[in-house]
Structures are given as structure tokens and as C-alpha cells.
Protein backbone atom coordinates (compact mmCIF):
# COMPACT_ATOMS: atom_id res chain seq x y z
CA UNK A 1 21.11 -12.37 -4.24
CA UNK A 2 22.09 -15.62 -5.89
CA UNK A 3 19.46 -17.94 -7.28
CA UNK A 4 15.81 -17.23 -6.72
CA UNK A 5 16.16 -18.97 -3.54
CA UNK A 6 15.75 -22.53 -3.40
CA UNK A 7 14.37 -21.80 0.11
CA UNK A 8 11.77 -20.28 -2.05
CA UNK A 9 10.73 -23.75 -2.57
CA UNK A 10 9.78 -24.22 0.96
CA UNK A 11 6.43 -25.57 -0.10
CA UNK A 12 7.65 -26.70 -3.34
CA UNK A 13 8.98 -29.14 -5.81
CA UNK A 14 12.27 -28.33 -7.48
CA UNK A 15 12.61 -28.16 -11.23
CA UNK A 16 11.74 -25.93 -14.12
CA UNK A 17 8.18 -24.91 -14.75
CA UNK A 18 6.85 -25.08 -18.25
CA UNK A 19 6.98 -21.82 -20.17
CA UNK A 20 3.67 -20.01 -19.87
CA UNK A 21 2.06 -17.42 -22.07
CA UNK A 22 2.93 -13.78 -21.58
CA UNK A 23 0.32 -11.41 -20.18
CA UNK A 24 -1.44 -9.79 -23.12
CA UNK A 25 -1.40 -5.98 -22.93
CA UNK A 26 -2.66 -3.47 -25.53
CA UNK A 27 0.01 -2.30 -27.92
CA UNK A 28 0.44 0.94 -29.83
CA UNK A 29 -0.35 4.56 -28.98
CA UNK A 30 -4.11 4.14 -28.56
CA UNK A 31 -6.46 7.12 -28.53
CA UNK A 32 -6.06 9.93 -25.95
CA UNK A 33 -8.57 9.46 -23.12
CA UNK A 34 -9.23 12.71 -21.26
CA UNK A 35 -11.40 11.06 -18.58
CA UNK A 36 -8.52 8.98 -17.20
CA UNK A 37 -8.68 10.42 -13.67
CA UNK A 38 -12.37 9.61 -13.27
CA UNK A 39 -11.91 6.14 -14.79
CA UNK A 40 -9.05 5.37 -12.41
CA UNK A 41 -11.05 6.57 -9.39
CA UNK A 42 -13.88 4.18 -10.30
CA UNK A 43 -11.55 1.23 -10.90
CA UNK A 44 -9.47 1.53 -7.71
CA UNK A 45 -12.17 2.62 -5.29
CA UNK A 46 -12.30 -0.79 -3.61
CA UNK A 47 -8.58 -1.42 -3.30
CA UNK A 48 -7.89 2.09 -2.03
CA UNK A 49 -10.25 1.39 0.86
CA UNK A 50 -8.35 -1.69 2.06
CA UNK A 51 -6.73 -0.98 5.44
CA UNK A 52 -6.32 -4.63 6.46
CA UNK A 53 -6.81 -7.89 4.61
CA UNK A 54 -6.62 -11.54 5.65
CA UNK A 55 -6.46 -14.29 3.04
CA UNK A 56 -5.23 -17.71 2.00
CA UNK A 57 -3.16 -17.93 -1.18
CA UNK A 58 -2.95 -21.00 -3.39
CA UNK A 59 0.33 -20.46 -5.23
CA UNK A 60 1.73 -22.05 -8.35
CA UNK A 61 4.42 -21.09 -10.81
CA UNK A 62 8.16 -20.71 -10.78
CA UNK A 63 10.93 -18.47 -9.48
CA UNK A 64 14.18 -18.77 -11.37
CA UNK A 65 14.72 -22.46 -12.07
CA UNK A 66 12.51 -23.69 -9.22
CA UNK A 67 8.85 -24.66 -9.39
CA UNK A 68 6.61 -23.22 -6.68
CA UNK A 69 3.38 -24.67 -5.39
CA UNK A 70 1.66 -24.46 -2.02
CA UNK A 71 -0.73 -22.64 0.28
CA UNK A 72 0.08 -19.56 2.33
CA UNK A 73 -2.06 -17.93 5.01
CA UNK A 74 -1.49 -14.20 5.18
CA UNK A 75 -2.49 -10.80 6.46
CA UNK A 76 -1.52 -7.27 5.48
CA UNK A 77 -2.22 -3.96 7.19
CA UNK A 78 -1.36 -0.32 6.73
CA UNK A 79 1.30 0.82 7.26
CA UNK A 80 4.00 -1.69 6.32
CA UNK A 81 2.67 -4.74 8.17
CA UNK A 82 2.67 -8.29 6.83
CA UNK A 83 2.40 -11.87 8.03
CA UNK A 84 2.76 -14.94 5.81
CA UNK A 85 2.71 -18.57 6.94
CA UNK A 86 3.58 -21.45 4.62
CA UNK A 87 0.90 -24.02 5.42
CA UNK A 88 1.78 -27.68 5.89
CA UNK A 89 -0.62 -30.67 5.98
CA UNK A 90 0.01 -30.90 9.72
CA UNK A 91 2.42 -29.63 12.35
CA UNK A 92 4.43 -26.43 12.25
CA UNK A 93 4.25 -23.98 9.35
CA UNK A 94 7.01 -24.37 6.78
CA UNK A 95 7.91 -20.71 7.25
CA UNK A 96 6.62 -17.61 8.99
CA UNK A 97 7.41 -14.12 7.74
CA UNK A 98 6.30 -11.24 9.96
CA UNK A 99 6.97 -7.55 9.45
CA UNK A 100 5.78 -4.26 10.88
CA UNK A 101 7.13 -0.74 10.20
CA UNK A 102 9.93 -1.30 12.73
CA UNK A 103 11.04 -4.93 12.42
CA UNK A 104 10.96 -7.99 10.16
CA UNK A 105 11.80 -11.65 10.74
CA UNK A 106 11.62 -14.90 8.80
CA UNK A 107 11.41 -18.13 10.79
CA UNK A 108 11.77 -21.74 9.69
CA UNK A 109 10.01 -23.56 12.56
CA UNK A 110 11.04 -27.05 11.48
CA UNK A 111 14.72 -26.11 11.43
CA UNK A 112 14.22 -23.77 14.43
CA UNK A 113 16.07 -20.99 12.64
CA UNK A 114 15.24 -17.32 12.32
CA UNK A 115 16.48 -14.49 10.08
CA UNK A 116 16.41 -10.97 11.49
CA UNK A 117 17.85 -7.72 10.23
CA UNK A 118 17.01 -8.17 6.55
CA UNK A 119 14.53 -5.86 4.84
CA UNK A 120 11.06 -7.34 4.22
CA UNK A 121 11.60 -6.78 0.47
CA UNK A 122 14.66 -9.04 0.61
CA UNK A 123 12.69 -11.70 2.47
CA UNK A 124 9.80 -11.63 0.00
CA UNK A 125 12.23 -11.84 -2.89
CA UNK A 126 13.90 -14.79 -1.23
CA UNK A 127 10.60 -16.56 -0.62
CA UNK A 128 8.90 -16.05 -3.97
CA UNK A 129 11.03 -13.91 -6.28
CA UNK A 130 8.87 -10.82 -5.63
CA UNK A 131 10.80 -7.54 -5.15
CA UNK A 132 8.07 -5.95 -3.01
CA UNK A 133 7.79 -4.51 0.46
CA UNK A 134 4.64 -5.15 2.56
CA UNK A 135 2.69 -2.11 1.35
CA UNK A 136 3.64 -2.88 -2.27
CA UNK A 137 2.42 -6.46 -1.82
CA UNK A 138 -0.89 -5.18 -0.44
CA UNK A 139 -1.25 -2.90 -3.48
CA UNK A 140 -0.50 -5.75 -5.89
CA UNK A 141 -2.82 -8.27 -4.22
CA UNK A 142 -5.75 -5.87 -3.97
CA UNK A 143 -5.52 -4.65 -7.57
CA UNK A 144 -4.23 -1.12 -7.05
CA UNK A 145 -0.83 -2.16 -8.52
CA UNK A 146 0.87 0.69 -6.59
CA UNK A 147 0.12 2.46 -3.33
CA UNK A 148 -2.28 5.39 -3.73
CA UNK A 149 -2.37 5.43 -7.57
CA UNK A 150 -2.65 8.85 -9.18
CA UNK A 151 -3.19 9.24 -12.94
CA UNK A 152 -1.11 11.37 -15.28
CA UNK A 153 -2.47 10.36 -18.72
CA UNK A 154 -4.83 7.91 -20.36
CA UNK A 155 -5.54 6.29 -23.69
CA UNK A 156 -8.26 4.04 -25.03
CA UNK A 157 -7.91 0.83 -26.99
CA UNK A 158 -11.20 0.08 -28.67
CA UNK A 159 -14.46 0.59 -26.84
CA UNK A 160 -13.60 -1.11 -23.53
CA UNK A 161 -9.90 -1.19 -22.64
CA UNK A 162 -8.30 1.93 -21.11
CA UNK A 163 -4.64 2.36 -20.17
CA UNK A 164 -3.91 4.85 -17.40
CA UNK A 165 -0.37 6.01 -16.71
CA UNK A 166 0.35 6.64 -13.04
CA UNK A 167 2.57 9.04 -11.19
CA UNK A 168 5.87 7.21 -10.66
CA UNK A 169 5.88 5.33 -13.97
CA UNK A 170 3.42 2.45 -13.46
CA UNK A 171 0.49 1.79 -15.81
CA UNK A 172 -2.88 0.15 -15.12
CA UNK A 173 -5.25 -1.32 -17.68
CA UNK A 174 -8.99 -0.99 -17.06
CA UNK A 175 -12.06 -2.60 -18.54
CA UNK A 176 -15.64 -3.18 -17.41
CA UNK A 177 -16.18 -6.15 -15.09
CA UNK A 178 -19.69 -6.74 -13.85
CA UNK A 179 -20.78 -3.35 -15.12
CA UNK A 180 -18.05 -1.27 -13.45
CA UNK A 181 -14.48 -0.48 -14.43
CA UNK A 182 -11.84 -2.70 -12.84
CA UNK A 183 -8.07 -3.01 -13.03
CA UNK A 184 -7.42 -6.12 -15.13
CA UNK A 185 -3.65 -5.68 -15.61
CA UNK A 186 -0.78 -3.42 -14.69
CA UNK A 187 2.94 -2.82 -14.98
CA UNK A 188 5.33 -1.43 -12.38
CA UNK A 189 9.10 -1.64 -12.81
CA UNK A 190 10.03 -5.23 -13.68
CA UNK A 191 6.53 -6.52 -12.77
CA UNK A 192 3.66 -7.25 -15.13
CA UNK A 193 0.41 -8.21 -13.37
CA UNK A 194 -2.91 -9.69 -14.52
CA UNK A 195 -6.13 -9.83 -12.47
CA UNK A 196 -9.23 -12.02 -12.71
CA UNK A 197 -12.27 -13.08 -10.71
CA UNK A 198 -13.14 -9.74 -9.14
CA UNK A 199 -15.47 -9.81 -6.14
CA UNK A 200 -16.75 -6.44 -4.94
CA UNK A 201 -13.97 -4.77 -6.90
CA UNK A 202 -11.10 -6.88 -5.54
CA UNK A 203 -9.42 -9.61 -7.63
CA UNK A 204 -9.42 -13.24 -6.56
CA UNK A 205 -6.68 -14.35 -8.97
CA UNK A 206 -3.41 -12.48 -9.40
CA UNK A 207 -0.65 -13.45 -11.82
CA UNK A 208 2.72 -11.71 -11.50
CA UNK A 209 5.58 -11.87 -14.01
CA UNK A 210 8.95 -10.47 -12.89
CA UNK A 211 11.68 -9.91 -15.45
CA UNK A 212 14.93 -11.65 -14.57
CA UNK A 213 18.03 -9.49 -14.14
CA UNK A 214 20.87 -9.87 -16.62
CA UNK A 215 19.04 -12.41 -18.75
CA UNK A 216 18.40 -14.77 -15.83
CA UNK A 217 15.09 -16.57 -15.41
CA UNK A 218 12.53 -14.40 -13.67
CA UNK A 219 9.35 -15.17 -11.74
CA UNK A 220 5.94 -16.31 -13.00
CA UNK A 221 3.61 -16.75 -10.05
CA UNK A 222 -0.17 -17.14 -9.89
CA UNK A 223 -2.05 -16.72 -6.62
CA UNK A 224 -5.70 -17.63 -6.04
CA UNK A 225 -7.09 -15.77 -3.02
CA UNK A 226 -9.66 -17.43 -0.79
CA UNK A 227 -11.01 -16.79 2.72
CA UNK A 228 -10.62 -13.06 2.08
CA UNK A 229 -11.60 -10.74 4.91
CA UNK A 230 -11.21 -7.00 4.48
CA UNK A 231 -10.88 -4.28 7.12
CA UNK A 232 -11.30 -6.53 10.14
CA UNK A 233 -9.37 -5.47 13.26
CA UNK A 234 -5.92 -7.10 13.46
CA UNK A 235 -3.85 -6.99 16.63
CA UNK A 236 -0.36 -5.49 16.13
CA UNK A 237 1.15 -8.61 17.73
CA UNK A 238 0.11 -10.57 14.64
CA UNK A 239 2.94 -8.84 12.78
CA UNK A 240 5.66 -9.53 15.34
CA UNK A 241 7.59 -12.81 15.30
CA UNK A 242 9.20 -13.86 18.55
CA UNK A 243 11.05 -17.06 17.62
CA UNK A 244 12.41 -17.68 21.12
CA UNK A 245 14.97 -20.43 21.20
CA UNK A 246 15.55 -20.32 17.43
CA UNK A 247 19.08 -20.17 16.02
CA UNK A 248 19.84 -16.82 14.34
CA UNK A 249 21.03 -17.16 10.73
CA UNK A 250 21.44 -14.76 7.83
CA UNK A 251 19.36 -14.72 4.69
CA UNK A 252 22.49 -15.53 2.71
CA UNK A 253 23.14 -18.60 4.85
CA UNK A 254 19.66 -19.91 4.16
CA UNK A 255 19.97 -19.17 0.46
CA UNK A 256 23.24 -21.03 0.23
CA UNK A 257 22.23 -23.98 2.39
CA UNK A 258 19.02 -24.72 0.47
CA UNK A 259 17.03 -26.41 3.23
CA UNK A 260 14.49 -27.88 0.81
CA UNK A 261 14.92 -31.41 2.04
CA UNK A 262 14.16 -30.60 5.68
CA UNK A 263 11.24 -28.32 4.80
CA UNK A 264 9.51 -30.66 2.39
CA UNK A 265 9.63 -33.66 4.70
CA UNK A 266 7.24 -34.69 7.49
CA UNK A 267 6.31 -31.96 9.93
CA UNK A 268 7.92 -31.99 13.35
CA UNK A 269 5.04 -32.59 15.79
CA UNK A 270 6.96 -30.57 18.38
CA UNK A 271 6.88 -27.49 16.17
CA UNK A 272 4.77 -24.48 17.00
CA UNK A 273 3.89 -21.24 15.28
CA UNK A 274 6.24 -18.42 16.38
């Protein structure tokens, strides 16, 4: 997919973000830690219990050469369900992404366009440079890093930091927060993740770095989570986007057309949430 999507900048101002510091992870072999399974179970107990979550994200950072900033209302649910709405000061949302295990759609209410048929992972990558499907996004936002983490080995760095390798190749980094172990960082594939501000075991700030392919600029995105509600009943219709009367377009057409100008202008008072 070309670019990091300038549609990605639906909320956003174009331009390059300033280079930010890398996420600091322990280096070297460490000391073997035989209690890694128990440590992991303590650290991910809260995120493993998340079946549904509603939230508002305050986003800032960059994807490729574009700066990202804005607020997104969202919800995730097991299995494979996601809804994200790019919030505007007034009027219609700047975008709506809805996915369930069977379907996915991305609507641009102001342009009255809708993308269907693309995988949710492609849509999330287009929106924010994140190569994640809905269940992966839930795992990242809640601090589990991956779905259903299972440890294979562990090592200690000093008296507090523990690295736990997971089945499938990811690694989580644990340290005490408020008297209990918490996941404070992790790696999975091209992603490096840092967590802060834990409340009842779940992080309230998530920073994600994504390595760019072929030397291209990657993604550096920080999300502050507010209005978090966990395990409240969510109707399945919340994850279905109708978009009646919208013009069907492809993800590639949106990427190439770069509708930043329309989407960053005044809201259309006639717009409505699909």
C-alpha cells in the first residue's frame, strides 16, 4: 500500500513529525528467570479478562510523512469486532470503521463514500499505519500485546524488570506498578509498544512504534485512553456499518485521492453517523 495514507490524516495536519526517542528496552542476555509463567499470569490477568471495551483515544504522532492528531471514539469486543469513529468538533464523524467477524467497512460521512471488501487490518493500516486486526488491536490497547499470551522463557534485568518471551515470537517486559507486576513494554513483529498510567491493571497511555518497510518511514503513535468502560454489554449492531446511499470506493482509490482537504474542513451539518 503506497504512502501511510494521507487519508490517515483524516483528523490531522500534514507534515513530518519531529523525531522522538526510541522506546527503551533492556539489552543483553539478562539472568534466567524460572518463574516467568507465574509472573506473566500476574501481569496480564486484567487484560486477559477484557471481553469488551469502550474508550476515547487522544492520538498524536506520525505515520510515514504525515502528522497525526485527533480524538477517536472506539469499542472492541471478542471475537474480531471493532468500531472507531474519528470525532469532529461538530457534525458527522470524519470516519467510521466498523468490523465484526464477517464484514468490515470504512465510511467517510462527509464525502458520503464507503469502502467494503477490504480486510480490517488493511483499513487500520490505512487509517493509522497499524498492521493489526481487531483482536490484535484489543490486545495492544489493553496491555496483553498479543491475544492469549503464553510464556516460553524469561529473564531478569536487575531487581525489577523481567522479560518474558511468548509463544509466537513476541516479548513482554514486566515491572512492578502499584505493588503488582504489569506489562510496561512489548514487541511483536515490527511493533514496539510502551505502556504507562495503569489503572486496575490496564494502561491508560499506549505508544506504538512500527518499523517502516524497505527503509521507509514507519509509525510512531501515542494514544491516551479516557472514558474507559470494560465488559459492558455491547449490541452486535454497533459493529455493523450500513452506509446507505454512500458511494462505494476502494481503499486504493481513497489512498490515491487523499481527501484531506474535504475531511479537515467544516463539518457537513447534513451528515449523520452510519
